[in-house]
Protein backbone atom coordinates (compact mmCIF):
# COMPACT_ATOMS: atom_id res chain seq x y z
CA MET A 1 0.00 0.00 0.00
CA PRO A 2 1.37 3.49 -0.90
CA ARG A 3 2.51 5.63 2.00
CA PHE A 4 -0.14 7.84 3.59
CA GLU A 5 1.66 11.03 2.52
CA ASP A 6 1.75 9.84 -1.10
CA GLN A 7 -1.95 8.97 -1.05
CA VAL A 8 -2.85 12.43 0.26
CA LEU A 9 -0.62 14.15 -2.30
CA HIS A 10 -2.16 12.10 -5.11
CA ALA A 11 -5.64 13.06 -3.89
CA VAL A 12 -4.73 16.76 -3.78
CA HIS A 13 -2.99 16.64 -7.17
CA GLY A 14 -6.21 15.11 -8.48
CA ARG A 15 -8.13 18.04 -6.93
CA HIS A 16 -10.27 15.82 -4.67
CA PRO A 17 -12.09 18.07 -2.16
CA LEU A 18 -13.63 15.18 -0.16
CA ILE A 19 -11.24 12.61 1.34
CA TYR A 20 -12.54 9.73 3.48
CA LEU A 21 -9.74 8.60 5.79
CA HIS A 22 -10.33 5.21 7.39
CA THR A 23 -8.46 5.12 10.73
CA PRO A 24 -9.13 5.42 14.49
CA GLU A 25 -6.00 7.59 14.97
CA GLU A 26 -7.40 11.12 14.88
CA ASP A 27 -4.40 12.82 16.53
CA ARG A 28 -1.95 11.03 14.25
CA VAL A 29 -3.91 12.21 11.21
CA VAL A 30 -3.51 15.84 12.28
CA GLU A 31 0.21 15.26 12.97
CA CYS A 32 0.70 13.71 9.53
CA LEU A 33 -1.31 16.33 7.64
CA ALA A 34 0.37 19.39 9.21
CA PRO A 35 3.71 19.03 7.33
CA LEU A 36 1.84 18.39 4.06
CA VAL A 37 -0.06 21.71 4.12
CA PRO A 38 2.74 23.81 2.55
CA ARG A 39 2.98 21.34 -0.35
CA CYS A 40 -0.78 21.03 -0.83
CA PHE A 41 -2.23 24.42 0.11
CA PRO A 42 0.57 27.02 0.54
CA GLY A 43 -0.28 29.46 3.31
CA GLY A 44 -3.01 27.17 4.63
CA SER A 45 -3.50 25.34 7.92
CA VAL A 46 -5.22 22.33 9.52
CA THR A 47 -8.65 23.01 11.04
CA THR A 48 -10.38 20.27 13.05
CA TRP A 49 -14.09 19.80 13.66
CA SER A 50 -16.07 17.63 16.09
CA CYS A 51 -19.73 17.57 17.05
CA ILE A 52 -18.77 18.60 20.61
CA ARG A 53 -16.24 21.39 20.05
CA GLY A 54 -17.07 22.58 16.57
CA PHE A 55 -14.13 24.19 14.77
CA GLU A 56 -10.64 24.39 16.27
CA PRO A 57 -9.34 27.06 15.80
CA SER A 58 -12.84 28.36 16.38
CA ALA A 59 -14.86 30.37 13.90
CA ASP A 60 -15.77 33.60 15.70
CA GLY A 61 -19.45 33.97 16.48
CA VAL A 62 -20.40 30.66 14.85
CA ASP A 63 -21.86 27.64 16.65
CA ALA A 64 -20.63 25.02 14.23
CA ARG A 65 -21.24 21.88 16.28
CA ASP A 66 -24.07 20.94 13.93
CA PRO A 67 -22.51 19.16 10.92
CA VAL A 68 -24.74 20.86 8.34
CA ALA A 69 -24.02 24.30 9.81
CA ALA A 70 -20.29 23.49 9.84
CA LEU A 71 -20.28 22.39 6.19
CA LEU A 72 -22.25 25.45 5.08
CA HIS A 73 -19.79 27.68 6.97
CA MET A 74 -16.89 26.02 5.15
CA ILE A 75 -18.60 26.73 1.83
CA ASP A 76 -19.34 30.37 2.65
CA HIS A 77 -16.09 31.16 4.52
CA PRO A 78 -13.45 28.66 3.36
CA ARG A 79 -10.05 28.46 5.05
CA HIS A 80 -7.09 27.38 2.96
CA GLY A 81 -5.84 23.96 3.99
CA PHE A 82 -7.34 20.78 5.40
CA TYR A 83 -10.59 20.51 7.35
CA VAL A 84 -10.35 17.37 9.52
CA MET A 85 -13.88 16.27 10.48
CA LYS A 86 -13.71 13.74 13.31
CA ASP A 87 -17.29 12.61 13.86
CA LEU A 88 -18.99 13.10 10.52
CA SER A 89 -19.37 9.39 9.71
CA SER A 90 -21.96 9.14 12.50
CA PHE A 91 -24.17 11.60 10.57
CA MET A 92 -23.85 9.99 7.14
CA GLY A 93 -27.39 8.63 7.34
CA ASP A 94 -28.79 12.17 7.37
CA PRO A 95 -29.72 13.27 3.82
CA ARG A 96 -29.04 16.90 4.82
CA VAL A 97 -25.43 16.03 5.64
CA VAL A 98 -25.05 14.15 2.36
CA ARG A 99 -26.48 17.15 0.49
CA ALA A 100 -24.18 19.57 2.34
CA LEU A 101 -21.15 17.41 1.49
CA ARG A 102 -22.13 17.43 -2.16
CA GLU A 103 -22.52 21.22 -2.05
CA ALA A 104 -19.04 21.48 -0.49
CA TYR A 105 -17.66 19.16 -3.17
CA PHE A 106 -18.86 21.35 -6.05
CA SER A 107 -17.89 24.58 -4.27
CA PHE A 108 -14.34 23.43 -3.47
CA CYS A 109 -13.90 21.98 -6.98
CA ARG A 110 -14.57 25.41 -8.47
CA ASP A 111 -12.00 27.07 -6.21
CA TYR A 112 -9.65 24.33 -5.03
CA ARG A 113 -7.90 25.79 -2.01
CA SER A 114 -9.29 23.43 0.67
CA ALA A 115 -10.04 19.75 1.22
CA ILE A 116 -12.34 18.09 3.75
CA VAL A 117 -10.81 15.02 5.40
CA ILE A 118 -13.46 12.82 7.05
CA VAL A 119 -11.73 10.68 9.70
CA SER A 120 -13.52 7.55 10.90
CA PRO A 121 -12.59 4.22 12.52
CA VAL A 122 -15.28 2.54 10.39
CA ALA A 123 -15.88 2.70 6.66
CA VAL A 124 -19.35 4.25 6.31
CA LEU A 125 -19.41 5.58 2.76
CA PRO A 126 -22.86 6.59 1.46
CA GLU A 127 -23.53 5.07 -1.94
CA SER A 128 -24.87 8.43 -3.08
CA LEU A 129 -21.41 9.98 -2.53
CA ASP A 130 -19.46 7.14 -4.11
CA LYS A 131 -18.17 9.31 -6.97
CA GLU A 132 -17.31 12.31 -4.81
CA LEU A 133 -15.38 10.63 -1.98
CA CYS A 134 -11.70 9.72 -2.30
CA TYR A 135 -11.04 6.76 0.04
CA ILE A 136 -7.69 6.47 1.87
CA GLU A 137 -6.49 4.12 4.63
CA LEU A 138 -3.90 5.34 7.10
CA ASP A 139 -1.17 2.73 7.22
CA VAL A 140 0.13 1.47 10.56
CA ALA A 141 2.72 3.51 12.40
CA SER A 142 6.22 3.02 11.03
CA GLY A 143 9.05 1.61 13.11
CA ASP A 144 10.48 5.12 13.45
CA GLU A 145 7.14 6.46 14.75
CA VAL A 146 6.84 3.62 17.27
CA LEU A 147 10.44 4.12 18.40
CA ALA A 148 9.91 7.87 18.88
CA ARG A 149 6.78 7.21 20.95
CA LEU A 150 8.54 4.52 23.01
CA LEU A 151 11.48 6.83 23.77
CA ALA A 152 9.08 9.61 24.80
CA ILE A 153 7.31 7.24 27.21
CA GLU A 154 10.62 6.01 28.66
CA LYS A 155 11.55 9.59 29.57
CA ARG A 156 8.48 9.80 31.83
CA PHE A 157 9.80 6.88 33.91
CA PRO A 158 13.31 7.64 35.25
CA GLY A 159 15.46 4.55 35.42
CA ALA A 160 13.11 2.52 33.26
CA ALA A 161 15.03 2.84 29.99
CA LEU A 162 15.13 -0.42 28.05
CA PRO A 163 18.42 -1.92 26.85
CA ALA A 164 19.01 -1.14 23.16
CA GLU A 165 18.50 -4.75 22.05
CA VAL A 166 15.28 -5.15 24.04
CA ARG A 167 14.03 -1.80 22.73
CA ALA A 168 14.62 -2.91 19.13
CA HIS A 169 12.62 -6.11 19.73
CA ALA A 170 9.91 -4.13 21.53
CA VAL A 171 9.52 -1.79 18.54
CA LEU A 172 9.08 -4.78 16.24
CA SER A 173 6.55 -6.36 18.62
CA LEU A 174 4.60 -3.08 18.88
CA ARG A 175 4.32 -2.68 15.12
CA GLY A 176 0.76 -2.96 13.86
CA LEU A 177 -0.73 -1.19 16.89
CA THR A 178 -2.02 2.37 16.94
CA LEU A 179 0.20 4.88 18.71
CA MET A 180 -2.45 5.21 21.43
CA GLU A 181 -2.34 1.44 21.97
CA VAL A 182 1.46 1.71 22.22
CA ASP A 183 0.93 4.41 24.86
CA HIS A 184 -1.47 2.27 26.89
CA ILE A 185 0.67 -0.88 26.75
CA MET A 186 4.01 0.73 27.56
CA HIS A 187 2.62 2.95 30.33
CA ARG A 188 1.21 -0.14 32.00
CA VAL A 189 4.48 -2.04 31.49
CA PHE A 190 6.57 0.75 33.03
CA SER A 191 4.05 1.64 35.76
CA THR A 192 3.79 -1.93 37.06
CA GLY A 193 7.52 -2.57 36.89
CA ALA A 194 7.01 -5.26 34.27
CA ALA A 195 9.88 -3.74 32.30
CA SER A 196 12.24 -5.44 34.73
CA GLY A 197 10.88 -8.80 33.60
CA ASN A 198 9.93 -10.13 30.19
CA VAL A 199 8.86 -7.00 28.31
CA LEU A 200 8.32 -8.79 25.01
CA GLU A 201 6.06 -11.42 26.56
CA ASP A 202 4.02 -8.67 28.18
CA ILE A 203 3.67 -6.83 24.86
CA LEU A 204 2.58 -9.99 23.06
CA THR A 205 -0.04 -10.67 25.73
CA GLU A 206 -1.40 -7.14 25.37
CA LYS A 207 -1.55 -7.51 21.59
CA GLY A 208 -3.48 -10.72 22.14
CA THR A 209 -6.00 -8.92 24.34
CA ILE A 210 -6.51 -6.28 21.64
CA ALA A 211 -7.09 -8.83 18.88
CA LYS A 212 -9.46 -10.90 21.05
CA LYS A 213 -12.00 -8.10 20.70
CA ALA A 214 -12.76 -9.58 17.29
CA GLY A 215 -14.30 -12.65 18.99
CA PHE A 216 -13.36 -15.16 16.29
CA LEU A 217 -9.63 -14.84 17.02
CA GLU A 218 -8.21 -16.73 20.00
CA PHE A 219 -4.88 -15.62 21.44
CA ILE A 220 -2.68 -18.60 22.29
CA PRO A 221 -0.05 -17.93 25.01
CA LEU A 222 3.49 -18.89 24.00
CA LYS A 223 3.96 -21.84 26.35
CA VAL A 224 5.29 -24.48 23.94
CA ASP A 225 9.06 -24.72 23.58
CA ILE A 226 10.30 -26.16 20.30
CA ASN A 227 12.29 -28.69 22.34
CA ALA A 228 9.04 -29.95 23.87
CA VAL A 229 8.07 -31.34 20.47
CA GLY A 230 9.23 -34.93 20.09
CA GLY A 231 10.61 -35.78 16.65
CA LEU A 232 9.40 -33.92 13.54
CA GLU A 233 12.97 -32.71 13.02
CA ASN A 234 12.45 -31.57 9.43
CA VAL A 235 9.82 -29.01 10.45
CA LYS A 236 11.80 -27.89 13.50
CA ASP A 237 14.96 -27.41 11.41
CA TRP A 238 12.96 -25.55 8.74
CA ALA A 239 11.55 -23.15 11.34
CA ALA A 240 14.91 -22.64 13.08
CA LYS A 241 16.62 -21.70 9.79
CA ARG A 242 13.93 -19.10 9.08
CA LYS A 243 13.78 -17.47 12.49
CA GLU A 244 16.08 -14.61 11.43
CA LEU A 245 14.14 -14.17 8.17
CA PHE A 246 10.86 -13.32 9.92
CA THR A 247 11.99 -9.82 10.83
CA GLN A 248 11.73 -6.24 9.62
CA GLU A 249 15.47 -6.26 8.93
CA ALA A 250 15.08 -9.20 6.54
CA ILE A 251 12.40 -7.28 4.65
CA LYS A 252 14.72 -4.29 4.24
CA THR A 253 17.50 -6.47 2.85
CA GLY A 254 15.17 -8.15 0.35
CA LEU A 255 15.45 -11.65 1.80
CA PRO A 256 12.56 -14.09 1.18
CA ILE A 257 10.17 -13.89 4.14
CA PRO A 258 8.48 -17.12 5.32
CA LYS A 259 4.83 -17.09 4.21
CA GLY A 260 3.39 -20.21 5.76
CA ILE A 261 3.25 -23.98 5.96
CA LEU A 262 0.51 -26.55 5.61
CA VAL A 263 0.98 -29.50 7.97
CA MET A 264 -1.15 -32.54 7.17
CA GLY A 265 -1.22 -36.04 8.53
CA VAL A 266 -2.62 -38.51 11.00
CA SER A 267 -4.62 -37.06 13.88
CA GLY A 268 -2.69 -36.62 17.13
CA CYS A 269 0.78 -36.51 15.57
CA GLY A 270 1.77 -32.96 16.54
CA LYS A 271 0.39 -30.73 13.79
CA SER A 272 -1.19 -28.19 16.15
CA LEU A 273 1.79 -28.43 18.50
CA LEU A 274 4.06 -27.34 15.66
CA ALA A 275 2.05 -24.14 15.12
CA LYS A 276 2.49 -23.27 18.80
CA ALA A 277 6.17 -24.22 18.78
CA ILE A 278 7.00 -22.08 15.73
CA ALA A 279 5.37 -19.00 17.28
CA GLY A 280 7.31 -19.67 20.49
CA LEU A 281 10.59 -20.12 18.62
CA TRP A 282 10.12 -16.89 16.67
CA GLN A 283 8.73 -15.03 19.71
CA VAL A 284 5.70 -13.62 17.88
CA PRO A 285 2.04 -13.78 18.98
CA LEU A 286 -0.06 -16.76 17.90
CA PHE A 287 -3.75 -16.50 17.04
CA ARG A 288 -6.11 -19.32 16.16
CA LEU A 289 -8.80 -18.37 13.67
CA ASN A 290 -12.10 -20.01 14.64
CA MET A 291 -13.71 -20.68 11.27
CA SER A 292 -16.85 -22.08 12.92
CA LEU A 293 -17.54 -18.64 14.41
CA ILE A 294 -16.79 -17.01 11.05
CA PHE A 295 -19.60 -19.05 9.48
CA SER A 296 -21.95 -18.73 12.48
CA ASN A 297 -23.37 -15.33 11.38
CA LEU A 298 -22.83 -14.10 14.96
CA TYR A 299 -20.45 -11.46 13.61
CA GLY A 300 -22.30 -10.51 10.44
CA SER A 301 -21.96 -12.25 7.10
CA PRO A 302 -19.15 -14.84 6.86
CA GLU A 303 -17.42 -12.79 4.15
CA ALA A 304 -17.45 -9.61 6.26
CA ALA A 305 -16.35 -11.47 9.41
CA PHE A 306 -13.52 -13.18 7.53
CA HIS A 307 -12.38 -9.86 6.08
CA ARG A 308 -12.34 -8.32 9.59
CA ALA A 309 -10.35 -11.28 10.90
CA LEU A 310 -7.69 -10.84 8.23
CA ARG A 311 -7.48 -7.07 8.76
CA THR A 312 -7.14 -7.61 12.52
CA ILE A 313 -4.34 -10.13 12.01
CA GLU A 314 -2.54 -7.77 9.65
CA ALA A 315 -2.78 -5.01 12.26
CA VAL A 316 -0.96 -7.04 14.94
CA ALA A 317 1.84 -8.34 12.68
CA PRO A 318 4.41 -9.83 13.12
CA VAL A 319 2.15 -12.75 13.93
CA VAL A 320 1.50 -16.44 13.33
CA LEU A 321 -2.06 -17.20 12.20
CA TRP A 322 -3.09 -20.77 13.02
CA ILE A 323 -5.94 -22.30 11.01
CA ASP A 324 -6.70 -25.73 12.45
CA GLU A 325 -8.29 -28.59 10.48
CA MET A 326 -8.58 -26.45 7.38
CA GLU A 327 -10.49 -29.07 5.41
CA SER A 328 -13.53 -28.67 7.68
CA SER A 329 -14.07 -25.05 6.62
CA LEU A 330 -12.17 -24.50 3.37
CA SER A 331 -12.81 -27.75 1.50
CA THR A 332 -13.85 -27.68 -2.16
CA PRO A 333 -17.02 -25.52 -2.39
CA LYS A 334 -19.89 -27.54 -3.85
CA GLU A 335 -21.63 -24.50 -5.34
CA ALA A 336 -20.54 -21.13 -6.63
CA ALA A 337 -21.57 -17.85 -4.97
CA THR A 338 -22.08 -19.45 -1.54
CA PRO A 339 -20.58 -17.89 1.62
CA GLN A 340 -18.07 -20.76 1.74
CA SER A 341 -16.97 -20.24 -1.87
CA MET A 342 -16.62 -16.48 -1.38
CA VAL A 343 -14.59 -16.92 1.83
CA PHE A 344 -12.42 -19.48 0.05
CA SER A 345 -11.84 -17.10 -2.87
CA ALA A 346 -10.98 -14.25 -0.49
CA PHE A 347 -8.55 -16.52 1.38
CA LEU A 348 -6.72 -17.51 -1.81
CA THR A 349 -6.31 -13.86 -2.81
CA TRP A 350 -5.17 -12.88 0.68
CA LEU A 351 -2.59 -15.69 0.81
CA GLN A 352 -1.05 -14.25 -2.33
CA GLU A 353 -1.21 -10.58 -1.31
CA LYS A 354 -0.89 -10.61 2.50
CA PRO A 355 1.73 -8.50 4.33
CA PRO A 356 5.14 -10.17 4.76
CA LEU A 357 5.13 -10.60 8.56
CA VAL A 358 1.94 -12.66 8.73
CA PHE A 359 2.85 -16.36 8.81
CA VAL A 360 0.08 -18.90 8.22
CA ALA A 361 0.35 -22.23 10.03
CA ALA A 362 -2.45 -24.38 8.63
CA THR A 363 -3.22 -27.97 9.59
CA ALA A 364 -5.33 -30.65 7.92
CA ASN A 365 -6.17 -34.26 8.67
CA ARG A 366 -7.74 -35.07 5.27
CA ILE A 367 -5.76 -32.97 2.82
CA GLU A 368 -7.35 -34.72 -0.16
CA LEU A 369 -10.52 -32.77 0.65
CA LEU A 370 -8.77 -29.45 0.03
CA PRO A 371 -9.02 -27.77 -3.40
CA ALA A 372 -6.03 -28.06 -5.71
CA GLU A 373 -5.82 -24.25 -5.96
CA LEU A 374 -4.92 -24.11 -2.27
CA LEU A 375 -2.06 -26.58 -2.62
CA ARG A 376 -0.29 -25.14 -5.64
CA LYS A 377 3.25 -23.85 -5.22
CA GLY A 378 3.38 -20.30 -3.91
CA ARG A 379 0.43 -20.50 -1.54
CA PHE A 380 2.55 -22.11 1.19
CA ASP A 381 6.31 -22.39 1.50
CA GLN A 382 6.06 -26.08 2.27
CA VAL A 383 3.55 -28.90 2.76
CA PHE A 384 4.69 -31.25 5.53
CA PHE A 385 3.34 -34.71 6.35
CA CYS A 386 3.22 -35.83 10.00
CA ASP A 387 3.14 -39.62 10.13
CA LEU A 388 2.87 -41.82 13.20
CA PRO A 389 6.16 -41.41 15.11
CA ASN A 390 9.00 -43.86 14.55
CA GLU A 391 10.79 -45.60 17.43
CA GLU A 392 13.30 -42.82 18.06
CA GLU A 393 10.53 -40.22 18.06
CA ARG A 394 8.39 -42.31 20.41
CA ILE A 395 11.30 -42.48 22.86
CA GLN A 396 11.58 -38.68 22.75
CA ILE A 397 7.82 -38.28 23.21
CA ILE A 398 7.74 -40.72 26.15
CA ASN A 399 10.60 -38.92 27.91
CA ILE A 400 8.96 -35.53 27.36
CA HIS A 401 5.67 -36.66 28.89
CA LEU A 402 7.33 -38.51 31.76
CA ALA A 403 9.15 -35.30 32.70
CA ALA A 404 5.92 -33.30 32.31
CA ASN A 405 4.23 -35.66 34.79
CA ASP A 406 6.86 -35.35 37.53
CA ALA A 407 8.61 -38.62 36.69
CA ASP A 408 12.32 -39.12 36.09
CA PRO A 409 12.80 -40.66 32.60
CA LYS A 410 15.90 -42.46 33.92
CA ASP A 411 13.61 -44.64 36.07
CA PHE A 412 11.80 -45.98 32.99
CA ASN A 413 12.74 -48.20 30.07
CA ALA A 414 11.72 -45.83 27.28
CA LYS A 415 12.86 -48.25 24.57
CA LEU A 416 10.51 -50.96 25.88
CA LEU A 417 7.65 -48.46 26.14
CA ALA A 418 8.37 -47.32 22.58
CA TYR A 419 8.12 -50.94 21.44
CA CYS A 420 4.76 -51.32 23.22
CA THR A 421 3.43 -48.18 21.50
CA ARG A 422 4.22 -49.12 17.90
CA GLU A 423 1.90 -47.30 15.46
CA TRP A 424 0.70 -45.00 18.24
CA SER A 425 0.33 -41.26 17.85
CA GLY A 426 2.01 -38.77 20.16
CA ALA A 427 -1.36 -37.81 21.64
CA GLU A 428 -2.11 -41.46 22.47
CA ILE A 429 1.26 -41.87 24.18
CA GLU A 430 0.57 -38.73 26.21
CA GLN A 431 -2.81 -40.06 27.33
CA ALA A 432 -1.28 -43.38 28.38
CA VAL A 433 1.24 -41.58 30.60
CA ILE A 434 -1.45 -39.30 32.06
CA ALA A 435 -3.77 -42.24 32.79
CA ALA A 436 -0.90 -44.11 34.47
CA ARG A 437 -0.13 -41.10 36.65
CA VAL A 438 -3.78 -40.80 37.71
CA GLU A 439 -3.93 -44.46 38.73
CA SER A 440 -0.65 -44.30 40.65
CA HIS A 441 -1.80 -41.14 42.42
CA GLN A 442 -5.02 -42.85 43.50
CA ALA A 443 -2.93 -45.74 44.81
CA GLY A 444 -0.81 -43.29 46.80
CA ARG A 445 2.51 -44.08 45.14
CA ALA A 446 4.84 -42.90 42.39
CA MET A 447 4.18 -43.86 38.79
CA THR A 448 6.04 -46.95 37.56
CA GLN A 449 6.82 -48.66 34.29
CA ASN A 450 4.11 -51.25 34.93
CA ASP A 451 1.47 -48.53 35.33
CA ILE A 452 2.17 -47.32 31.81
CA MET A 453 2.39 -50.87 30.42
CA ARG A 454 -1.09 -51.63 31.77
CA GLN A 455 -2.43 -48.58 29.93
CA THR A 456 -0.78 -49.59 26.66
CA ASP A 457 -2.32 -53.06 26.98
CA SER A 458 -5.83 -51.66 27.41
CA MET A 459 -5.78 -48.86 24.81
CA VAL A 460 -6.52 -49.39 21.10
CA PRO A 461 -4.67 -46.86 18.91
CA LEU A 462 -6.24 -44.94 16.03
CA SER A 463 -4.02 -46.80 13.58
CA LYS A 464 -6.15 -49.90 14.28
CA THR A 465 -9.62 -48.39 14.74
CA MET A 466 -9.22 -46.20 11.62
CA ALA A 467 -6.70 -48.31 9.71
CA GLU A 468 -8.22 -47.65 6.28
CA GLN A 469 -8.28 -43.87 6.78
CA VAL A 470 -4.69 -43.83 8.06
CA LYS A 471 -3.61 -45.81 4.98
CA GLU A 472 -5.41 -43.34 2.69
CA ILE A 473 -3.64 -40.40 4.33
CA ARG A 474 -0.26 -42.10 4.02
CA ASP A 475 -0.89 -43.05 0.39
CA TRP A 476 -1.84 -39.48 -0.50
CA ALA A 477 1.23 -38.01 1.21
CA PHE A 478 3.65 -40.37 -0.54
CA ASN A 479 5.66 -38.22 -3.01
CA ARG A 480 3.22 -35.32 -2.49
CA ALA A 481 4.38 -33.86 0.84
CA THR A 482 7.69 -33.42 2.64
CA PRO A 483 8.03 -35.82 5.59
CA ALA A 484 8.07 -34.00 8.92
CA THR A 485 10.27 -36.78 10.28
CA ALA A 486 13.95 -36.73 9.33
CA LYS A 487 15.21 -39.83 7.55
CA ARG A 488 17.78 -41.85 9.47
């Protein structure tokens, strides 16, 4: 998207008197417009209007809090420069306001020395003014703007200055937020003394709280360490090599930025865990997009809700967007022009055009149900296949879950347990260990090898109950997807 300054200059060079500026950052708009006045309207100024205060600077002897009266005053007594109208979108349903805007449009076109900038956090553009309004979106604050605001806040808290390296990471983490949101977050961080702890974690949590307002986005705390994932070395190595590429610095140097991965495979083999682990490794917030809520009509039409979800995710970048079991919501549309087909079409376009620091981690159990258009090269960086873990991976998984359940792996024969869990998924191994711990706790003693062995004897793995489906998944993945497990 062109820079805000360039968009405004293009609008003025095109002699557009009505500019609709979609942004919640009213103060930042005024700050950005002020230096443009000499280039757009020499000798002019920036005048603001609101339905509470009227004009500022005020128009002597005029009560201009009424929008129609304000617009008529602009027509009769125009000031050179920009008129920034802060609340006008709330009155767009009034035909008198629409008529007054049209009158201002024709008047300013005849003598182009002023432009009206309608600032609104929502896009409410009357169809009747479609030809007259020039629509502009204010892009997110640049890294320099965020840094300047962060330094200004630090000065208000003596002794709270961040180390240079932490500050650089904080600026990157704060990108995508409005400057007012940066103010709120960093004031709370410095006021509560959180700056002495993990500043970045605190910032990511706050960004999660902001995005949760959308309802259909769930913030996932970064609690999964990449080392807590047993096996799947190919995916872990892939993510580790690209950690330094998922940064603003990599964008500036022209390096290829990771776009996303699609992880398919047998249920319970770590697909969702990988999404959490990648976000934790890269230290960026993770959000799960709830497609069921998108299609529920609770948040308007599915197309509008999906569009809002994508815009919200873009606003909090850098970010990992997790779409779980993609085939359940984005499988091949049976009919054209349905909500599902339109959401699918919008998703394909967005995947191609999305901002660089939005990484998509998608998972699927039945990838054969997904449309071919979604799987073509360029949509995702890589398609990985998670199979049932091999012996070495099962040993890793067993040791991880023993440690997680307060047991010392050295007290267990992990190789024997791995043999007893042949063709088991990681999730099934985890449940066997948990069930063994529960039984040993009820017996009032520590968990033993025999406790786990009893569980493995009584449990039937998915590879047996759904043998045909597991075979189908494996057959599809053969020569079509990159194995998540490293070959030995």
